[in-house]
N, C-alpha and C. Protein backbone atom coordinates (compact mmCIF):
# COMPACT_ATOMS: atom_id res chain seq x y z
N MET A 1 -21.51 2.02 7.46
CA MET A 1 -20.36 1.89 6.54
C MET A 1 -19.07 1.80 7.34
N ILE A 2 -18.24 0.83 7.03
CA ILE A 2 -16.93 0.71 7.67
C ILE A 2 -15.90 1.31 6.71
N SER A 3 -15.39 2.49 7.03
CA SER A 3 -14.49 3.19 6.12
C SER A 3 -13.01 2.94 6.41
N SER A 4 -12.70 2.39 7.59
CA SER A 4 -11.31 2.04 7.89
C SER A 4 -11.29 1.09 9.07
N VAL A 5 -10.22 0.31 9.14
CA VAL A 5 -10.02 -0.56 10.30
C VAL A 5 -8.56 -0.44 10.74
N ARG A 6 -8.35 -0.52 12.04
CA ARG A 6 -6.99 -0.50 12.57
C ARG A 6 -6.90 -1.53 13.69
N GLY A 7 -5.90 -2.38 13.58
CA GLY A 7 -5.74 -3.40 14.60
C GLY A 7 -4.58 -4.31 14.28
N THR A 8 -4.47 -5.38 15.03
CA THR A 8 -3.38 -6.33 14.86
C THR A 8 -3.71 -7.32 13.75
N VAL A 9 -2.74 -7.54 12.89
CA VAL A 9 -2.92 -8.52 11.81
C VAL A 9 -2.79 -9.93 12.41
N LEU A 10 -3.87 -10.70 12.32
CA LEU A 10 -3.87 -12.05 12.87
C LEU A 10 -3.43 -13.09 11.85
N ALA A 11 -3.72 -12.82 10.58
CA ALA A 11 -3.38 -13.80 9.54
C ALA A 11 -3.36 -13.12 8.18
N VAL A 12 -2.53 -13.67 7.30
CA VAL A 12 -2.50 -13.23 5.91
C VAL A 12 -2.40 -14.49 5.06
N ALA A 13 -3.39 -14.69 4.21
CA ALA A 13 -3.40 -15.87 3.34
C ALA A 13 -3.85 -15.45 1.96
N GLY A 14 -2.94 -15.51 1.01
CA GLY A 14 -3.27 -15.08 -0.34
C GLY A 14 -3.60 -13.60 -0.36
N THR A 15 -4.81 -13.27 -0.76
CA THR A 15 -5.22 -11.86 -0.79
C THR A 15 -6.25 -11.56 0.30
N THR A 16 -6.25 -12.37 1.34
CA THR A 16 -7.15 -12.14 2.47
C THR A 16 -6.34 -11.97 3.75
N THR A 17 -6.67 -10.94 4.50
CA THR A 17 -6.03 -10.74 5.79
C THR A 17 -7.11 -10.66 6.86
N VAL A 18 -6.74 -11.06 8.07
CA VAL A 18 -7.66 -10.95 9.20
C VAL A 18 -7.06 -9.95 10.18
N VAL A 19 -7.81 -8.90 10.48
CA VAL A 19 -7.35 -7.85 11.38
C VAL A 19 -8.24 -7.84 12.61
N GLU A 20 -7.63 -7.92 13.78
CA GLU A 20 -8.40 -7.92 15.03
C GLU A 20 -8.69 -6.49 15.45
N VAL A 21 -9.97 -6.17 15.56
CA VAL A 21 -10.40 -4.84 15.98
C VAL A 21 -11.36 -5.00 17.15
N GLY A 22 -10.95 -4.54 18.32
CA GLY A 22 -11.81 -4.65 19.50
C GLY A 22 -12.19 -6.07 19.86
N GLY A 23 -11.26 -7.00 19.64
CA GLY A 23 -11.52 -8.39 19.97
C GLY A 23 -12.24 -9.17 18.89
N VAL A 24 -12.56 -8.49 17.77
CA VAL A 24 -13.24 -9.16 16.66
C VAL A 24 -12.30 -9.24 15.46
N GLY A 25 -12.18 -10.42 14.87
CA GLY A 25 -11.34 -10.58 13.69
C GLY A 25 -12.12 -10.29 12.43
N LEU A 26 -11.70 -9.26 11.70
CA LEU A 26 -12.37 -8.89 10.46
C LEU A 26 -11.58 -9.41 9.27
N SER A 27 -12.27 -10.12 8.38
CA SER A 27 -11.65 -10.63 7.16
C SER A 27 -11.72 -9.55 6.09
N VAL A 28 -10.56 -9.19 5.53
CA VAL A 28 -10.49 -8.11 4.56
C VAL A 28 -9.76 -8.58 3.31
N SER A 29 -10.35 -8.35 2.15
CA SER A 29 -9.69 -8.69 0.88
C SER A 29 -8.77 -7.54 0.48
N VAL A 30 -7.54 -7.87 0.08
CA VAL A 30 -6.56 -6.86 -0.31
C VAL A 30 -5.88 -7.31 -1.60
N THR A 31 -5.10 -6.42 -2.20
CA THR A 31 -4.35 -6.80 -3.40
C THR A 31 -3.14 -7.64 -3.00
N PRO A 32 -2.57 -8.40 -3.91
CA PRO A 32 -1.38 -9.20 -3.58
C PRO A 32 -0.23 -8.34 -3.05
N GLN A 33 -0.05 -7.14 -3.63
CA GLN A 33 1.02 -6.26 -3.17
C GLN A 33 0.80 -5.82 -1.74
N HIS A 34 -0.45 -5.51 -1.43
CA HIS A 34 -0.78 -5.09 -0.07
C HIS A 34 -0.57 -6.23 0.92
N ALA A 35 -0.95 -7.44 0.52
CA ALA A 35 -0.79 -8.60 1.40
C ALA A 35 0.67 -8.82 1.76
N LEU A 36 1.56 -8.61 0.79
CA LEU A 36 2.99 -8.80 1.05
C LEU A 36 3.53 -7.77 2.03
N ALA A 37 2.88 -6.61 2.12
CA ALA A 37 3.35 -5.56 3.02
C ALA A 37 2.84 -5.75 4.44
N LEU A 38 1.87 -6.64 4.64
CA LEU A 38 1.30 -6.85 5.97
C LEU A 38 2.10 -7.91 6.72
N ARG A 39 2.24 -7.73 8.02
CA ARG A 39 2.99 -8.65 8.85
C ARG A 39 2.13 -9.15 10.00
N VAL A 40 2.06 -10.47 10.16
CA VAL A 40 1.28 -11.05 11.25
C VAL A 40 1.86 -10.58 12.58
N GLY A 41 1.00 -10.10 13.46
CA GLY A 41 1.43 -9.62 14.77
C GLY A 41 1.66 -8.12 14.81
N ALA A 42 1.75 -7.49 13.64
CA ALA A 42 1.97 -6.05 13.57
C ALA A 42 0.62 -5.33 13.46
N GLU A 43 0.63 -4.05 13.84
CA GLU A 43 -0.59 -3.27 13.70
C GLU A 43 -0.69 -2.71 12.28
N ALA A 44 -1.89 -2.68 11.77
CA ALA A 44 -2.10 -2.17 10.41
C ALA A 44 -3.35 -1.30 10.38
N THR A 45 -3.31 -0.30 9.53
CA THR A 45 -4.48 0.54 9.27
C THR A 45 -4.86 0.38 7.81
N LEU A 46 -6.08 0.00 7.56
CA LEU A 46 -6.54 -0.21 6.19
C LEU A 46 -7.75 0.69 5.93
N ARG A 47 -7.71 1.37 4.82
CA ARG A 47 -8.89 2.09 4.34
C ARG A 47 -9.78 1.06 3.67
N THR A 48 -11.06 1.07 4.00
CA THR A 48 -11.89 -0.04 3.55
C THR A 48 -13.17 0.40 2.86
N ALA A 49 -13.69 -0.50 2.06
CA ALA A 49 -15.00 -0.35 1.44
C ALA A 49 -15.81 -1.58 1.82
N LEU A 50 -17.01 -1.37 2.35
CA LEU A 50 -17.90 -2.47 2.71
C LEU A 50 -18.89 -2.67 1.57
N VAL A 51 -18.85 -3.84 0.98
CA VAL A 51 -19.76 -4.15 -0.13
C VAL A 51 -20.85 -5.07 0.40
N VAL A 52 -22.08 -4.61 0.33
CA VAL A 52 -23.22 -5.35 0.88
C VAL A 52 -24.02 -5.98 -0.25
N ARG A 53 -24.23 -7.27 -0.15
CA ARG A 53 -25.08 -7.99 -1.09
C ARG A 53 -26.10 -8.79 -0.29
N GLU A 54 -27.08 -9.33 -0.98
CA GLU A 54 -28.15 -10.04 -0.29
C GLU A 54 -27.62 -11.17 0.59
N ASP A 55 -26.62 -11.88 0.10
CA ASP A 55 -26.12 -13.03 0.83
C ASP A 55 -24.68 -12.87 1.31
N ASP A 56 -24.18 -11.64 1.32
CA ASP A 56 -22.76 -11.48 1.65
C ASP A 56 -22.45 -10.05 2.10
N LEU A 57 -21.55 -9.96 3.08
CA LEU A 57 -20.95 -8.69 3.49
C LEU A 57 -19.45 -8.86 3.30
N ALA A 58 -18.84 -8.02 2.48
CA ALA A 58 -17.42 -8.18 2.18
C ALA A 58 -16.68 -6.86 2.39
N LEU A 59 -15.52 -6.96 3.05
CA LEU A 59 -14.67 -5.80 3.26
C LEU A 59 -13.47 -5.86 2.32
N PHE A 60 -13.19 -4.74 1.67
CA PHE A 60 -12.03 -4.63 0.79
C PHE A 60 -11.13 -3.54 1.35
N GLY A 61 -9.84 -3.85 1.49
CA GLY A 61 -8.93 -2.92 2.15
C GLY A 61 -7.85 -2.38 1.23
N PHE A 62 -7.38 -1.16 1.56
CA PHE A 62 -6.41 -0.48 0.71
C PHE A 62 -5.38 0.25 1.56
N GLN A 63 -4.17 0.39 0.99
CA GLN A 63 -3.11 1.13 1.68
C GLN A 63 -3.29 2.63 1.54
N GLN A 64 -3.72 3.08 0.36
CA GLN A 64 -3.79 4.51 0.07
C GLN A 64 -5.22 4.93 -0.25
N PRO A 65 -5.59 6.17 0.14
CA PRO A 65 -6.94 6.65 -0.18
C PRO A 65 -7.21 6.71 -1.68
N GLU A 66 -6.15 6.93 -2.49
CA GLU A 66 -6.34 6.95 -3.94
C GLU A 66 -6.82 5.61 -4.46
N GLU A 67 -6.30 4.53 -3.88
CA GLU A 67 -6.72 3.20 -4.32
C GLU A 67 -8.19 2.96 -4.01
N LEU A 68 -8.61 3.39 -2.83
CA LEU A 68 -10.01 3.24 -2.45
C LEU A 68 -10.91 4.06 -3.38
N ALA A 69 -10.49 5.28 -3.69
CA ALA A 69 -11.29 6.14 -4.57
C ALA A 69 -11.43 5.52 -5.96
N VAL A 70 -10.33 4.97 -6.50
CA VAL A 70 -10.37 4.34 -7.82
C VAL A 70 -11.22 3.06 -7.78
N PHE A 71 -11.12 2.33 -6.68
CA PHE A 71 -11.94 1.13 -6.49
C PHE A 71 -13.42 1.49 -6.60
N ASP A 72 -13.83 2.56 -5.94
CA ASP A 72 -15.23 2.99 -6.00
C ASP A 72 -15.62 3.41 -7.41
N LEU A 73 -14.71 4.11 -8.10
CA LEU A 73 -15.00 4.52 -9.48
C LEU A 73 -15.15 3.30 -10.39
N LEU A 74 -14.27 2.34 -10.23
CA LEU A 74 -14.33 1.14 -11.07
C LEU A 74 -15.62 0.36 -10.84
N ARG A 75 -16.06 0.31 -9.60
CA ARG A 75 -17.30 -0.43 -9.29
C ARG A 75 -18.53 0.24 -9.89
N GLY A 76 -18.38 1.50 -10.26
CA GLY A 76 -19.49 2.21 -10.90
C GLY A 76 -19.61 1.91 -12.38
N VAL A 77 -18.64 1.17 -12.92
CA VAL A 77 -18.66 0.81 -14.35
C VAL A 77 -19.48 -0.46 -14.53
N THR A 78 -20.39 -0.45 -15.48
CA THR A 78 -21.22 -1.62 -15.76
C THR A 78 -20.34 -2.84 -16.07
N GLY A 79 -20.59 -3.92 -15.36
CA GLY A 79 -19.84 -5.14 -15.60
C GLY A 79 -18.61 -5.31 -14.73
N VAL A 80 -18.31 -4.30 -13.90
CA VAL A 80 -17.13 -4.39 -13.02
C VAL A 80 -17.61 -4.52 -11.58
N GLY A 81 -17.44 -5.71 -11.02
CA GLY A 81 -17.78 -5.95 -9.63
C GLY A 81 -16.58 -5.68 -8.74
N PRO A 82 -16.73 -5.84 -7.45
CA PRO A 82 -15.62 -5.56 -6.53
C PRO A 82 -14.39 -6.44 -6.78
N ARG A 83 -14.61 -7.71 -7.11
CA ARG A 83 -13.46 -8.60 -7.36
C ARG A 83 -12.70 -8.17 -8.61
N SER A 84 -13.45 -7.78 -9.64
CA SER A 84 -12.79 -7.32 -10.87
C SER A 84 -12.06 -6.01 -10.61
N ALA A 85 -12.67 -5.13 -9.82
CA ALA A 85 -12.02 -3.86 -9.49
C ALA A 85 -10.72 -4.10 -8.74
N MET A 86 -10.72 -5.07 -7.83
CA MET A 86 -9.49 -5.41 -7.11
C MET A 86 -8.45 -5.99 -8.07
N GLY A 87 -8.93 -6.75 -9.06
CA GLY A 87 -8.02 -7.31 -10.04
C GLY A 87 -7.32 -6.22 -10.83
N VAL A 88 -8.06 -5.17 -11.18
CA VAL A 88 -7.46 -4.04 -11.90
C VAL A 88 -6.42 -3.36 -11.03
N LEU A 89 -6.75 -3.13 -9.75
CA LEU A 89 -5.81 -2.46 -8.85
C LEU A 89 -4.61 -3.33 -8.51
N ALA A 90 -4.77 -4.65 -8.62
CA ALA A 90 -3.64 -5.54 -8.39
C ALA A 90 -2.64 -5.45 -9.54
N ALA A 91 -3.16 -5.14 -10.74
CA ALA A 91 -2.31 -5.10 -11.92
C ALA A 91 -1.83 -3.70 -12.27
N MET A 92 -2.56 -2.67 -11.83
CA MET A 92 -2.26 -1.30 -12.23
C MET A 92 -2.41 -0.36 -11.03
N SER A 93 -1.52 0.61 -10.95
CA SER A 93 -1.63 1.63 -9.91
C SER A 93 -2.69 2.65 -10.32
N PRO A 94 -3.19 3.47 -9.38
CA PRO A 94 -4.14 4.52 -9.77
C PRO A 94 -3.59 5.41 -10.89
N GLY A 95 -2.29 5.71 -10.84
CA GLY A 95 -1.68 6.51 -11.89
C GLY A 95 -1.70 5.81 -13.24
N ASP A 96 -1.42 4.49 -13.24
CA ASP A 96 -1.46 3.71 -14.48
C ASP A 96 -2.88 3.68 -15.06
N ILE A 97 -3.86 3.53 -14.18
CA ILE A 97 -5.26 3.50 -14.62
C ILE A 97 -5.63 4.85 -15.22
N ALA A 98 -5.23 5.93 -14.55
CA ALA A 98 -5.53 7.28 -15.04
C ALA A 98 -4.89 7.52 -16.41
N SER A 99 -3.65 7.05 -16.57
CA SER A 99 -2.96 7.24 -17.85
C SER A 99 -3.64 6.45 -18.96
N ALA A 100 -4.06 5.21 -18.65
CA ALA A 100 -4.73 4.38 -19.64
C ALA A 100 -6.06 5.00 -20.07
N VAL A 101 -6.77 5.56 -19.11
CA VAL A 101 -8.05 6.21 -19.42
C VAL A 101 -7.80 7.45 -20.26
N ALA A 102 -6.81 8.25 -19.88
CA ALA A 102 -6.52 9.50 -20.58
C ALA A 102 -6.12 9.26 -22.03
N THR A 103 -5.41 8.15 -22.28
CA THR A 103 -4.95 7.84 -23.64
C THR A 103 -5.88 6.88 -24.37
N GLU A 104 -7.02 6.57 -23.72
CA GLU A 104 -8.01 5.64 -24.29
C GLU A 104 -7.39 4.29 -24.63
N ASN A 105 -6.49 3.84 -23.75
CA ASN A 105 -5.79 2.58 -23.94
C ASN A 105 -6.55 1.45 -23.25
N ASP A 106 -7.63 0.98 -23.88
CA ASP A 106 -8.41 -0.09 -23.26
C ASP A 106 -7.64 -1.41 -23.25
N GLY A 107 -6.59 -1.51 -24.08
CA GLY A 107 -5.78 -2.72 -24.09
C GLY A 107 -5.13 -2.99 -22.75
N ALA A 108 -4.82 -1.94 -21.99
CA ALA A 108 -4.20 -2.11 -20.68
C ALA A 108 -5.14 -2.85 -19.74
N PHE A 109 -6.43 -2.61 -19.87
CA PHE A 109 -7.40 -3.26 -19.00
C PHE A 109 -7.72 -4.69 -19.47
N ARG A 110 -7.59 -4.92 -20.77
CA ARG A 110 -7.85 -6.27 -21.28
C ARG A 110 -6.83 -7.28 -20.77
N LYS A 111 -5.67 -6.79 -20.33
CA LYS A 111 -4.63 -7.68 -19.80
C LYS A 111 -4.98 -8.19 -18.40
N VAL A 112 -5.96 -7.55 -17.77
CA VAL A 112 -6.36 -7.95 -16.41
C VAL A 112 -7.30 -9.14 -16.48
N SER A 113 -7.01 -10.17 -15.70
CA SER A 113 -7.85 -11.36 -15.70
C SER A 113 -9.29 -11.00 -15.33
N GLY A 114 -10.22 -11.48 -16.13
CA GLY A 114 -11.63 -11.22 -15.86
C GLY A 114 -12.20 -9.99 -16.53
N ILE A 115 -11.36 -9.21 -17.19
CA ILE A 115 -11.81 -8.01 -17.90
C ILE A 115 -11.77 -8.28 -19.40
N GLY A 116 -12.94 -8.35 -20.02
CA GLY A 116 -13.02 -8.61 -21.45
C GLY A 116 -12.95 -7.32 -22.26
N PRO A 117 -12.92 -7.43 -23.59
CA PRO A 117 -12.80 -6.25 -24.46
C PRO A 117 -13.93 -5.23 -24.24
N LYS A 118 -15.16 -5.71 -24.11
CA LYS A 118 -16.30 -4.80 -23.94
C LYS A 118 -16.18 -4.03 -22.62
N THR A 119 -15.86 -4.75 -21.56
CA THR A 119 -15.74 -4.11 -20.25
C THR A 119 -14.56 -3.15 -20.22
N ALA A 120 -13.47 -3.52 -20.89
CA ALA A 120 -12.30 -2.66 -20.94
C ALA A 120 -12.64 -1.32 -21.59
N LYS A 121 -13.40 -1.38 -22.68
CA LYS A 121 -13.81 -0.14 -23.35
C LYS A 121 -14.76 0.68 -22.48
N LEU A 122 -15.63 -0.01 -21.75
CA LEU A 122 -16.56 0.68 -20.86
C LEU A 122 -15.82 1.40 -19.74
N ILE A 123 -14.75 0.78 -19.24
CA ILE A 123 -13.95 1.42 -18.19
C ILE A 123 -13.37 2.74 -18.70
N VAL A 124 -12.80 2.70 -19.89
CA VAL A 124 -12.20 3.90 -20.47
C VAL A 124 -13.25 4.99 -20.67
N VAL A 125 -14.39 4.61 -21.22
CA VAL A 125 -15.45 5.59 -21.49
C VAL A 125 -16.05 6.13 -20.19
N SER A 126 -16.32 5.24 -19.24
CA SER A 126 -16.99 5.63 -18.00
C SER A 126 -16.11 6.49 -17.09
N LEU A 127 -14.80 6.25 -17.13
CA LEU A 127 -13.91 6.99 -16.23
C LEU A 127 -13.31 8.24 -16.87
N ALA A 128 -13.59 8.45 -18.13
CA ALA A 128 -13.07 9.64 -18.82
C ALA A 128 -13.53 10.90 -18.09
N GLY A 129 -12.57 11.77 -17.80
CA GLY A 129 -12.87 13.02 -17.12
C GLY A 129 -12.92 12.91 -15.61
N LYS A 130 -12.74 11.70 -15.08
CA LYS A 130 -12.83 11.51 -13.62
C LYS A 130 -11.48 11.20 -12.98
N MET A 131 -10.41 11.15 -13.79
CA MET A 131 -9.13 10.64 -13.28
C MET A 131 -8.01 11.69 -13.24
N GLN A 132 -8.33 12.96 -13.51
CA GLN A 132 -7.27 13.96 -13.58
C GLN A 132 -6.46 14.05 -12.28
N ALA A 133 -7.15 13.97 -11.16
CA ALA A 133 -6.47 14.09 -9.87
C ALA A 133 -5.46 12.98 -9.67
N PHE A 134 -5.76 11.81 -10.21
CA PHE A 134 -4.86 10.67 -10.02
C PHE A 134 -3.64 10.78 -10.93
N VAL A 135 -3.80 11.43 -12.09
CA VAL A 135 -2.65 11.70 -12.96
C VAL A 135 -1.69 12.64 -12.25
N ALA A 136 -2.23 13.71 -11.65
CA ALA A 136 -1.40 14.69 -10.93
C ALA A 136 -0.73 14.04 -9.73
N SER A 137 -1.48 13.20 -9.01
CA SER A 137 -0.94 12.52 -7.84
C SER A 137 0.20 11.58 -8.22
N ALA A 138 -0.01 10.84 -9.31
CA ALA A 138 1.02 9.89 -9.76
C ALA A 138 2.29 10.63 -10.16
N SER A 139 2.12 11.77 -10.84
CA SER A 139 3.27 12.57 -11.27
C SER A 139 4.04 13.09 -10.07
N THR A 140 3.30 13.58 -9.05
CA THR A 140 3.94 14.10 -7.85
C THR A 140 4.70 13.00 -7.13
N GLY A 141 4.06 11.81 -7.07
CA GLY A 141 4.70 10.68 -6.39
C GLY A 141 5.97 10.26 -7.09
N ARG A 142 5.94 10.23 -8.43
CA ARG A 142 7.14 9.83 -9.18
C ARG A 142 8.27 10.84 -8.95
N ASN A 143 7.92 12.14 -8.95
CA ASN A 143 8.93 13.17 -8.75
C ASN A 143 9.56 13.06 -7.36
N ALA A 144 8.69 12.82 -6.35
CA ALA A 144 9.20 12.71 -4.98
C ALA A 144 10.10 11.48 -4.84
N ALA A 145 9.65 10.35 -5.42
CA ALA A 145 10.44 9.12 -5.33
C ALA A 145 11.79 9.30 -6.03
N GLY A 146 11.78 9.99 -7.16
CA GLY A 146 13.02 10.22 -7.88
C GLY A 146 13.98 11.08 -7.09
N SER A 147 13.46 12.08 -6.42
CA SER A 147 14.29 12.97 -5.62
C SER A 147 14.92 12.23 -4.45
N ILE A 148 14.14 11.35 -3.81
CA ILE A 148 14.66 10.56 -2.68
C ILE A 148 15.75 9.61 -3.15
N SER A 149 15.53 8.95 -4.28
CA SER A 149 16.53 8.02 -4.82
C SER A 149 17.83 8.75 -5.15
N GLU A 150 17.69 9.94 -5.73
CA GLU A 150 18.88 10.73 -6.08
C GLU A 150 19.65 11.13 -4.83
N SER A 151 18.93 11.47 -3.77
CA SER A 151 19.59 11.85 -2.52
C SER A 151 20.34 10.68 -1.91
N VAL A 152 19.74 9.49 -1.98
CA VAL A 152 20.40 8.29 -1.46
C VAL A 152 21.66 7.98 -2.29
N LEU A 153 21.56 8.15 -3.61
CA LEU A 153 22.71 7.93 -4.48
C LEU A 153 23.86 8.85 -4.10
N VAL A 154 23.55 10.12 -3.90
CA VAL A 154 24.58 11.10 -3.51
C VAL A 154 25.20 10.71 -2.16
N ALA A 155 24.36 10.26 -1.23
CA ALA A 155 24.86 9.87 0.09
C ALA A 155 25.81 8.68 0.00
N LEU A 156 25.48 7.70 -0.82
CA LEU A 156 26.34 6.52 -0.95
C LEU A 156 27.68 6.87 -1.59
N VAL A 157 27.63 7.72 -2.60
CA VAL A 157 28.88 8.16 -3.23
C VAL A 157 29.73 8.92 -2.22
N GLY A 158 29.06 9.73 -1.40
CA GLY A 158 29.77 10.46 -0.37
C GLY A 158 30.41 9.55 0.67
N LEU A 159 29.83 8.36 0.86
CA LEU A 159 30.37 7.39 1.81
C LEU A 159 31.50 6.57 1.20
N GLY A 160 31.76 6.77 -0.09
CA GLY A 160 32.92 6.11 -0.69
C GLY A 160 32.65 5.10 -1.77
N TRP A 161 31.40 4.80 -2.02
CA TRP A 161 31.12 3.83 -3.09
C TRP A 161 31.18 4.52 -4.45
N SER A 162 31.53 3.76 -5.46
CA SER A 162 31.56 4.33 -6.81
C SER A 162 30.13 4.65 -7.23
N GLU A 163 30.00 5.54 -8.20
CA GLU A 163 28.66 5.92 -8.65
C GLU A 163 27.92 4.73 -9.25
N ARG A 164 28.65 3.88 -9.96
CA ARG A 164 28.00 2.71 -10.56
C ARG A 164 27.49 1.76 -9.49
N THR A 165 28.33 1.47 -8.49
CA THR A 165 27.92 0.58 -7.41
C THR A 165 26.77 1.19 -6.62
N ALA A 166 26.86 2.49 -6.37
CA ALA A 166 25.80 3.18 -5.63
C ALA A 166 24.48 3.14 -6.39
N ALA A 167 24.55 3.35 -7.69
CA ALA A 167 23.33 3.34 -8.51
C ALA A 167 22.68 1.96 -8.50
N GLU A 168 23.51 0.92 -8.58
CA GLU A 168 22.98 -0.45 -8.53
C GLU A 168 22.33 -0.73 -7.18
N ALA A 169 22.97 -0.23 -6.12
CA ALA A 169 22.44 -0.43 -4.77
C ALA A 169 21.11 0.29 -4.59
N VAL A 170 21.01 1.48 -5.15
CA VAL A 170 19.76 2.25 -5.05
C VAL A 170 18.64 1.54 -5.82
N ASP A 171 18.94 1.06 -7.02
CA ASP A 171 17.94 0.34 -7.82
C ASP A 171 17.46 -0.89 -7.06
N ASP A 172 18.40 -1.61 -6.45
CA ASP A 172 18.05 -2.81 -5.70
C ASP A 172 17.21 -2.45 -4.48
N ALA A 173 17.59 -1.36 -3.80
CA ALA A 173 16.85 -0.93 -2.61
C ALA A 173 15.42 -0.52 -2.96
N VAL A 174 15.27 0.20 -4.07
CA VAL A 174 13.93 0.63 -4.49
C VAL A 174 13.06 -0.59 -4.78
N ALA A 175 13.64 -1.63 -5.36
CA ALA A 175 12.89 -2.83 -5.69
C ALA A 175 12.47 -3.60 -4.44
N ARG A 176 13.31 -3.52 -3.37
CA ARG A 176 13.05 -4.31 -2.16
C ARG A 176 12.32 -3.55 -1.07
N ALA A 177 12.38 -2.23 -1.11
CA ALA A 177 11.86 -1.42 -0.02
C ALA A 177 10.34 -1.41 0.06
N SER A 178 9.85 -1.22 1.27
CA SER A 178 8.41 -1.07 1.46
C SER A 178 8.01 0.34 1.06
N GLU A 179 6.71 0.58 1.00
CA GLU A 179 6.23 1.91 0.62
C GLU A 179 6.71 2.96 1.61
N ALA A 180 6.70 2.60 2.90
CA ALA A 180 7.15 3.55 3.93
C ALA A 180 8.63 3.85 3.78
N GLU A 181 9.43 2.83 3.46
CA GLU A 181 10.87 3.03 3.30
C GLU A 181 11.19 3.87 2.08
N LEU A 182 10.34 3.79 1.05
CA LEU A 182 10.56 4.58 -0.16
C LEU A 182 10.25 6.06 0.04
N ALA A 183 9.56 6.37 1.14
CA ALA A 183 9.06 7.74 1.34
C ALA A 183 10.05 8.67 2.01
N ALA A 184 11.20 8.15 2.48
CA ALA A 184 12.14 9.00 3.19
C ALA A 184 13.58 8.59 2.89
N VAL A 185 14.46 9.56 2.80
CA VAL A 185 15.86 9.30 2.48
C VAL A 185 16.54 8.39 3.51
N PRO A 186 16.42 8.65 4.82
CA PRO A 186 17.12 7.80 5.80
C PRO A 186 16.72 6.34 5.72
N SER A 187 15.42 6.07 5.58
CA SER A 187 14.97 4.68 5.55
C SER A 187 15.42 3.97 4.27
N LEU A 188 15.36 4.66 3.13
CA LEU A 188 15.81 4.04 1.88
C LEU A 188 17.32 3.85 1.90
N LEU A 189 18.02 4.79 2.52
CA LEU A 189 19.48 4.66 2.64
C LEU A 189 19.84 3.42 3.46
N ARG A 190 19.10 3.17 4.53
CA ARG A 190 19.37 1.98 5.36
C ARG A 190 19.17 0.70 4.54
N VAL A 191 18.13 0.67 3.70
CA VAL A 191 17.89 -0.51 2.86
C VAL A 191 19.05 -0.69 1.87
N ALA A 192 19.49 0.42 1.28
CA ALA A 192 20.59 0.34 0.32
C ALA A 192 21.88 -0.14 0.99
N LEU A 193 22.16 0.37 2.18
CA LEU A 193 23.37 -0.02 2.91
C LEU A 193 23.30 -1.49 3.32
N ALA A 194 22.12 -1.94 3.69
CA ALA A 194 21.96 -3.36 4.06
C ALA A 194 22.25 -4.24 2.85
N GLY A 195 21.85 -3.78 1.67
CA GLY A 195 22.10 -4.55 0.45
C GLY A 195 23.58 -4.58 0.08
N LEU A 196 24.27 -3.49 0.38
CA LEU A 196 25.70 -3.43 0.09
C LEU A 196 26.51 -4.27 1.06
N GLY A 197 25.96 -4.48 2.26
CA GLY A 197 26.65 -5.30 3.24
C GLY A 197 27.80 -4.56 3.88
N PRO A 198 28.71 -5.31 4.50
CA PRO A 198 29.79 -4.69 5.26
C PRO A 198 30.94 -4.14 4.43
N ARG A 199 30.81 -4.24 3.09
CA ARG A 199 31.91 -3.76 2.23
C ARG A 199 32.13 -2.26 2.44
N GLN A 200 33.34 -1.85 2.37
CA GLN A 200 33.68 -0.45 2.41
C GLN A 200 33.72 0.11 1.00
N GLY A 201 33.36 1.37 0.87
CA GLY A 201 33.43 1.96 -0.46
C GLY A 201 34.86 1.97 -0.96
N SER A 202 35.05 1.42 -2.15
CA SER A 202 36.40 1.32 -2.69
C SER A 202 36.67 2.32 -3.79
N GLY A 203 35.56 2.97 -4.24
CA GLY A 203 35.72 3.91 -5.33
C GLY A 203 35.89 3.24 -6.67
N SER A 204 35.76 1.92 -6.71
CA SER A 204 35.91 1.19 -7.96
C SER A 204 34.59 0.75 -8.48
């Protein structure tokens, strides 16, 4: 079982990336969001699931262990193959999936390409009681992200920008920042300042 790979990103095309590990290029399927975060020539670490079939060996890669765990849970649902599971994760975060399951909202899954009404209901029923940890994780992540954004807002106001301008800059930074940049005040502040440009805070 290949549970993770780390190496230089050789190529990114659509939702497939090639990572060189020990001189061997491994083709790994990722979500569109993950693909956008990968940079050719940079080193990347991917948590992976190896799916073995009679005529195929396929690697699926993830940024977070929660995504890999949910991927495995989804594959355990009748009618959900690895490609469909990736489709769900491309459209919904682990927290979103947990919330949909908790509220029995199968409509959220029907919006995913390749997931029909019957399969959507099966996902809700099959994952019931298995997603509590992801609800707690999502809540913690939202709280942490909110705290970081608030700290950046305070910092920008302290540097002289009006609260309205600072708030707009923070919203823009959150939309543009990578996952790593969202995880710390200094990095998110740099993104916000880059968006504001060379303007000085005018207090207006």
